[in-house]
Amino acid sequence: MIPKLGKVHRVDVRSAWPNEASHFTPWLASDEGMELLQEALGMELEVEATEKFVGPFKADILAKRTDTTDDHWVLIENQLERTDHRHLGQLLTYAAGLDAVTVVWIAESFAEEHRAALDWLNDVTSDQLEFFGLEIELWQIAGSPPAPMFNIIAEPNDWQREVKQGAGGRVSDLKETQRHYWSALRSALIERGSKVRPQKAQPQSWTTYALGRSGAWLGACMNTQKNNVWAEFCCNGPPGKVWYDAIVAHRDEIEAKIGHPLSWQRLDGKKQSRVALYLENADPTNESDWGRQHTWLIEKLERFYDVFRPLVLELPESGEGLDQSQDGNETD
């Protein structure tokens, strides 16, 4: 028997969002819109402001990445029509005024010259800047509610940028090993359907995972000289070490839930603090041992996620301390 299938057809975006400022921008800044955008871009975002003034203009959305170790601003400009020169100029003005490091231009359709302009900007700007172009579409099956979808039509060329960072224009053997190591870990997390959301693999000795709040994250790290790998919780904590001190107050509970003593590193004199669990006798360059190492890392990262995330979400912006009624949840 041949099943009866529905026909997918494209819907005018204005049918869902008649007005860009009043309808599309609020939807994109909502949890639903941000989740879709995060999936398209492969990054974790936290909305900081909408209609942000930059001189006499207003940028649509200003967000911050929560999956990086440093403050990383993301500027999002919307256009529910075909791209034009005016919006391209505004994008560059806003980016300069806000010190944005990732610029996202969303439009119904991109003119070829504007897609080429974003590609050119990705080629000629510093490695700290990223430019994305996304087309927004609405699709419907029969009488179903229309479903939004983002198509990336311009993005940074990560491979070229990594090559620029290599000595003499090539990526070292160690950097290549690091990239493959994290790529294999990323694949294992995706296959498992892990709650720990994997990031794109980079040629470096660490990779980070979001906890849903800027300034705190999980990390997986390697040291090829000491032959060890480790899982860690890190925070920058406003102001200074207040976040770390609030977390360390739950040390006994955390270690009981993780089932191991942890390495508590306040790192005085540095911006970052760390809580880590190490796997010794683990050579990251020995590919035949990657399965064991990755299994261990995934187990510990998921445990860290369950334990630290509830504590992190309770941390006050002002740094007055944790709500002592909060249990925590687990720790490594």
Protein backbone atom coordinates (compact mmCIF):
# COMPACT_ATOMS: atom_id res chain seq x y z
CA MET A 1 0.00 0.00 0.00
CA ILE A 2 1.32 3.38 -1.01
CA PRO A 3 1.06 5.88 1.86
CA LYS A 4 -0.59 9.20 1.22
CA LEU A 5 1.96 11.96 1.70
CA GLY A 6 1.48 15.67 2.13
CA LYS A 7 3.01 18.28 -0.14
CA VAL A 8 5.38 20.83 1.35
CA HIS A 9 5.04 24.38 0.11
CA ARG A 10 6.73 27.64 1.05
CA VAL A 11 4.76 30.33 2.87
CA ASP A 12 5.23 34.10 2.78
CA VAL A 13 7.14 35.09 5.94
CA ARG A 14 4.89 38.13 6.32
CA SER A 15 1.95 35.82 7.00
CA ALA A 16 3.55 34.95 10.36
CA TRP A 17 5.40 38.19 11.04
CA PRO A 18 3.59 41.13 9.41
CA ASN A 19 6.03 43.63 10.91
CA GLU A 20 9.74 43.06 11.39
CA ALA A 21 10.19 45.15 14.55
CA SER A 22 6.86 44.31 16.22
CA HIS A 23 6.62 40.63 15.32
CA PHE A 24 9.78 39.02 13.92
CA THR A 25 12.36 40.50 16.31
CA PRO A 26 10.35 39.58 19.47
CA TRP A 27 9.85 36.05 18.11
CA LEU A 28 13.55 35.66 17.31
CA ALA A 29 14.51 36.93 20.80
CA SER A 30 12.11 34.39 22.40
CA ASP A 31 13.20 30.95 23.60
CA GLU A 32 11.70 29.34 20.50
CA GLY A 33 13.45 31.67 18.08
CA MET A 34 16.81 31.55 19.87
CA GLU A 35 16.73 27.75 19.99
CA LEU A 36 16.27 27.57 16.22
CA LEU A 37 18.98 30.16 15.61
CA GLN A 38 21.39 28.39 17.97
CA GLU A 39 20.90 25.12 16.09
CA ALA A 40 21.59 26.84 12.77
CA LEU A 41 24.72 28.62 13.99
CA GLY A 42 26.05 25.86 16.27
CA MET A 43 26.50 28.19 19.23
CA GLU A 44 24.80 28.93 22.55
CA LEU A 45 23.28 32.43 22.83
CA GLU A 46 21.82 34.55 25.57
CA VAL A 47 19.83 37.66 24.60
CA GLU A 48 21.18 40.80 26.25
CA ALA A 49 19.02 43.48 24.60
CA THR A 50 16.63 44.16 21.74
CA GLU A 51 16.43 47.43 19.82
CA LYS A 52 19.83 48.42 21.21
CA PHE A 53 20.76 52.04 20.45
CA VAL A 54 24.01 52.59 18.56
CA GLY A 55 24.23 56.34 18.02
CA PRO A 56 21.02 57.40 16.25
CA PHE A 57 20.25 53.81 15.11
CA LYS A 58 18.82 50.76 16.86
CA ALA A 59 20.29 47.29 16.39
CA ASP A 60 17.66 44.54 16.41
CA ILE A 61 19.20 42.08 18.89
CA LEU A 62 22.39 42.03 20.93
CA ALA A 63 23.30 38.61 22.36
CA LYS A 64 26.21 37.01 24.16
CA ARG A 65 27.67 33.57 23.53
CA THR A 66 27.54 31.32 26.58
CA ASP A 67 29.73 28.56 25.14
CA THR A 68 33.01 30.48 25.12
CA THR A 69 35.42 31.36 27.89
CA ASP A 70 35.53 35.09 27.10
CA ASP A 71 32.87 37.76 26.61
CA HIS A 72 31.77 37.20 23.01
CA TRP A 73 29.12 39.55 21.65
CA VAL A 74 26.77 38.65 18.81
CA LEU A 75 24.95 41.31 16.82
CA ILE A 76 21.80 40.17 14.97
CA GLU A 77 20.19 42.35 12.31
CA ASN A 78 16.87 41.33 10.73
CA GLN A 79 15.36 42.19 7.37
CA LEU A 80 12.09 40.56 6.24
CA GLU A 81 12.79 41.36 2.61
CA ARG A 82 15.65 41.14 0.12
CA THR A 83 18.95 42.49 1.43
CA ASP A 84 19.97 46.05 0.57
CA HIS A 85 23.01 48.31 0.88
CA ARG A 86 21.48 50.32 3.73
CA HIS A 87 21.29 47.31 6.03
CA LEU A 88 24.81 46.24 5.14
CA GLY A 89 26.07 49.69 6.15
CA GLN A 90 24.05 49.59 9.37
CA LEU A 91 25.48 46.18 10.22
CA LEU A 92 29.04 47.46 10.00
CA THR A 93 28.17 50.60 11.97
CA TYR A 94 26.51 48.58 14.73
CA ALA A 95 29.35 46.06 14.86
CA ALA A 96 31.91 48.82 15.33
CA GLY A 97 29.80 50.64 17.92
CA LEU A 98 29.14 47.52 19.96
CA ASP A 99 32.51 45.81 19.52
CA ALA A 100 30.60 42.78 18.21
CA VAL A 101 32.73 39.82 17.29
CA THR A 102 30.01 37.79 15.55
CA VAL A 103 27.65 39.54 13.14
CA VAL A 104 24.48 37.76 11.96
CA TRP A 105 22.41 39.20 9.12
CA ILE A 106 18.99 37.54 8.68
CA ALA A 107 16.89 38.30 5.62
CA GLU A 108 14.15 36.75 3.48
CA SER A 109 16.59 36.55 0.58
CA PHE A 110 20.16 37.64 -0.13
CA ALA A 111 21.33 39.56 -3.15
CA GLU A 112 24.44 37.96 -4.61
CA GLU A 113 26.51 41.10 -4.01
CA HIS A 114 25.65 41.05 -0.29
CA ARG A 115 26.49 37.37 0.09
CA ALA A 116 29.80 38.11 -1.63
CA ALA A 117 30.36 41.06 0.72
CA LEU A 118 30.01 38.81 3.78
CA ASP A 119 32.39 36.26 2.26
CA TRP A 120 34.88 39.07 1.61
CA LEU A 121 34.57 40.38 5.17
CA ASN A 122 35.25 36.89 6.53
CA ASP A 123 38.38 36.74 4.37
CA VAL A 124 39.88 40.15 5.14
CA THR A 125 38.94 40.85 8.76
CA SER A 126 40.80 39.61 11.83
CA ASP A 127 40.37 36.11 13.18
CA GLN A 128 38.29 37.58 16.04
CA LEU A 129 35.44 38.62 13.71
CA GLU A 130 32.78 36.39 12.17
CA PHE A 131 30.06 37.26 9.66
CA PHE A 132 27.00 35.06 8.98
CA GLY A 133 24.22 35.48 6.44
CA LEU A 134 20.98 33.53 7.04
CA GLU A 135 17.80 33.34 5.01
CA ILE A 136 14.58 32.81 6.97
CA GLU A 137 11.90 30.60 5.38
CA LEU A 138 8.44 29.33 6.36
CA TRP A 139 7.24 25.91 5.17
CA GLN A 140 3.84 24.25 5.53
CA ILE A 141 2.31 20.81 4.89
CA ALA A 142 -1.38 20.92 3.99
CA GLY A 143 -3.07 22.96 6.74
CA SER A 144 -0.34 22.54 9.36
CA PRO A 145 1.09 25.56 11.20
CA PRO A 146 3.99 27.04 9.19
CA ALA A 147 7.45 25.92 10.34
CA PRO A 148 10.40 28.36 10.28
CA MET A 149 13.79 27.32 8.93
CA PHE A 150 17.14 29.08 8.63
CA ASN A 151 19.47 28.53 5.68
CA ILE A 152 23.07 29.65 6.08
CA ILE A 153 24.25 31.29 2.87
CA ALA A 154 27.46 32.92 4.22
CA GLU A 155 29.70 31.89 7.12
CA PRO A 156 33.35 32.09 8.22
CA ASN A 157 35.77 29.70 6.58
CA ASP A 158 37.09 28.01 9.74
CA TRP A 159 39.59 25.88 7.90
CA GLN A 160 41.26 28.88 6.27
CA ARG A 161 41.43 30.71 9.60
CA GLU A 162 42.97 27.73 11.35
CA VAL A 163 45.59 27.48 8.62
CA LYS A 164 46.45 31.16 9.15
CA GLN A 165 47.09 30.40 12.81
CA GLY A 166 49.51 27.57 12.04
CA ALA A 167 53.26 28.18 11.92
CA GLY A 168 54.41 28.94 8.41
CA GLY A 169 50.86 28.76 7.11
CA ARG A 170 50.24 25.08 8.02
CA VAL A 171 48.55 23.41 10.94
CA SER A 172 51.02 21.45 13.08
CA ASP A 173 50.71 17.69 13.56
CA LEU A 174 49.75 18.27 17.20
CA LYS A 175 47.01 20.74 16.24
CA GLU A 176 45.69 18.30 13.68
CA THR A 177 45.61 15.54 16.32
CA GLN A 178 43.73 17.84 18.69
CA ARG A 179 41.15 18.64 16.03
CA HIS A 180 40.58 14.94 15.29
CA TYR A 181 40.41 14.11 19.01
CA TRP A 182 37.67 16.66 19.71
CA SER A 183 35.87 15.78 16.47
CA ALA A 184 35.67 12.13 17.58
CA LEU A 185 34.41 13.20 21.02
CA ARG A 186 31.83 15.45 19.36
CA SER A 187 30.59 12.56 17.19
CA ALA A 188 30.27 10.34 20.26
CA LEU A 189 28.21 12.99 22.09
CA ILE A 190 25.90 13.42 19.09
CA GLU A 191 25.43 9.68 18.65
CA ARG A 192 24.60 9.35 22.34
CA GLY A 193 22.09 12.20 22.20
CA SER A 194 23.88 13.73 25.16
CA LYS A 195 22.54 16.64 27.18
CA VAL A 196 26.03 18.11 26.82
CA ARG A 197 25.82 19.96 23.51
CA PRO A 198 28.96 19.54 21.42
CA GLN A 199 30.74 22.39 19.71
CA LYS A 200 32.67 22.41 16.45
CA ALA A 201 36.07 20.77 16.89
CA GLN A 202 39.02 23.17 16.93
CA PRO A 203 42.80 22.50 16.85
CA GLN A 204 43.49 23.36 20.49
CA SER A 205 43.98 21.62 23.83
CA TRP A 206 40.45 22.22 25.12
CA THR A 207 36.83 22.37 24.07
CA THR A 208 33.95 23.99 25.94
CA TYR A 209 30.26 23.24 26.56
CA ALA A 210 27.52 25.66 27.58
CA LEU A 211 25.72 25.59 30.92
CA GLY A 212 23.06 28.11 29.89
CA ARG A 213 24.67 31.15 31.45
CA SER A 214 27.38 33.50 30.31
CA GLY A 215 30.51 33.36 32.44
CA ALA A 216 30.25 29.68 33.39
CA TRP A 217 30.91 26.59 31.28
CA LEU A 218 32.14 23.00 31.20
CA GLY A 219 35.36 22.01 29.54
CA ALA A 220 37.18 18.92 28.30
CA CYS A 221 40.95 19.34 28.18
CA MET A 222 44.11 17.43 27.31
CA ASN A 223 47.82 17.61 28.15
CA THR A 224 49.99 15.61 25.77
CA GLN A 225 53.14 16.09 27.86
CA LYS A 226 51.62 14.85 31.13
CA ASN A 227 49.48 12.24 29.35
CA ASN A 228 46.20 13.15 30.96
CA VAL A 229 42.74 14.43 30.06
CA TRP A 230 40.21 16.02 32.33
CA ALA A 231 36.69 17.38 32.70
CA GLU A 232 36.26 20.76 34.36
CA PHE A 233 33.77 23.34 35.50
CA CYS A 234 34.96 26.93 35.02
CA CYS A 235 33.60 30.35 35.87
CA ASN A 236 34.64 33.97 35.63
CA GLY A 237 32.13 35.07 38.23
CA PRO A 238 31.07 38.68 38.79
CA PRO A 239 32.70 40.25 40.68
CA GLY A 240 36.05 38.51 40.88
CA LYS A 241 35.92 35.14 42.66
CA VAL A 242 32.45 35.49 44.21
CA TRP A 243 30.86 32.84 42.00
CA TYR A 244 33.62 30.35 42.75
CA ASP A 245 33.32 30.98 46.49
CA ALA A 246 29.55 30.43 46.29
CA ILE A 247 30.07 27.13 44.49
CA VAL A 248 32.83 25.88 46.80
CA ALA A 249 30.45 26.29 49.75
CA HIS A 250 28.72 23.18 48.36
CA ARG A 251 31.95 21.20 48.03
CA ASP A 252 30.97 18.24 50.21
CA GLU A 253 27.58 17.80 48.50
CA ILE A 254 29.14 18.10 45.07
CA GLU A 255 31.90 15.57 45.67
CA ALA A 256 29.40 13.13 47.23
CA LYS A 257 27.22 13.29 44.13
CA ILE A 258 30.14 12.93 41.74
CA GLY A 259 31.65 10.11 43.73
CA HIS A 260 35.22 11.43 43.53
CA PRO A 261 37.30 14.10 45.24
CA LEU A 262 37.81 17.05 42.91
CA SER A 263 40.63 19.47 42.27
CA TRP A 264 39.39 22.89 43.47
CA GLN A 265 41.43 25.65 41.84
CA ARG A 266 40.54 29.22 42.80
CA LEU A 267 43.44 30.51 40.68
CA ASP A 268 43.99 33.73 42.59
CA GLY A 269 45.38 36.45 40.38
CA LYS A 270 43.56 35.07 37.34
CA LYS A 271 40.10 35.85 36.02
CA GLN A 272 39.07 32.20 35.77
CA SER A 273 38.50 29.57 38.50
CA ARG A 274 38.28 25.82 37.95
CA VAL A 275 36.97 22.58 39.46
CA ALA A 276 38.47 19.56 37.72
CA LEU A 277 38.62 15.76 37.66
CA TYR A 278 41.61 14.15 35.92
CA LEU A 279 42.10 10.86 34.09
CA GLU A 280 45.77 9.96 34.41
CA ASN A 281 47.74 7.67 32.10
CA ALA A 282 45.68 8.83 29.14
CA ASP A 283 47.77 9.76 26.09
CA PRO A 284 45.61 11.92 23.79
CA THR A 285 47.91 11.13 20.84
CA ASN A 286 47.22 7.37 21.16
CA GLU A 287 44.19 7.00 18.89
CA SER A 288 43.70 3.35 19.90
CA ASP A 289 42.86 4.59 23.45
CA TRP A 290 40.44 7.32 22.39
CA GLY A 291 37.38 5.13 22.96
CA ARG A 292 38.22 4.67 26.64
CA GLN A 293 39.13 8.33 27.11
CA HIS A 294 36.01 9.62 25.36
CA THR A 295 33.73 7.28 27.33
CA TRP A 296 35.25 8.61 30.55
CA LEU A 297 34.99 12.25 29.44
CA ILE A 298 31.35 11.90 28.39
CA GLU A 299 30.41 10.28 31.69
CA LYS A 300 32.13 12.99 33.72
CA LEU A 301 30.87 15.88 31.57
CA GLU A 302 27.28 14.68 31.93
CA ARG A 303 27.75 14.28 35.67
CA PHE A 304 29.24 17.79 35.89
CA TYR A 305 26.31 19.12 33.86
CA ASP A 306 23.74 17.60 36.23
CA VAL A 307 25.55 18.92 39.30
CA PHE A 308 26.81 22.35 38.34
CA ARG A 309 24.06 23.64 36.05
CA PRO A 310 21.40 24.05 38.80
CA LEU A 311 23.96 25.85 40.97
CA VAL A 312 25.04 28.10 38.11
CA LEU A 313 21.47 29.11 37.29
CA GLU A 314 21.01 30.20 40.93
CA LEU A 315 24.10 32.42 40.98
CA PRO A 316 23.11 36.07 41.43
CA GLU A 317 24.27 38.72 38.98
CA SER A 318 25.41 40.90 41.88
CA GLY A 319 27.49 38.17 43.49
CA GLU A 320 25.72 38.21 46.86
CA GLY A 321 26.03 34.42 47.18
CA LEU A 322 24.00 31.31 46.50
CA ASP A 323 20.54 30.55 47.78
CA GLN A 324 21.55 28.05 50.47
CA SER A 325 18.24 26.18 50.09
CA GLN A 326 19.40 24.96 46.68
CA ASP A 327 20.60 21.37 46.80
CA GLY A 328 22.97 21.46 43.90
CA ASN A 329 22.60 18.29 41.91
CA GLU A 330 25.80 16.47 41.27
CA THR A 331 29.45 16.95 40.80
CA ASP A 332 32.52 15.32 39.55
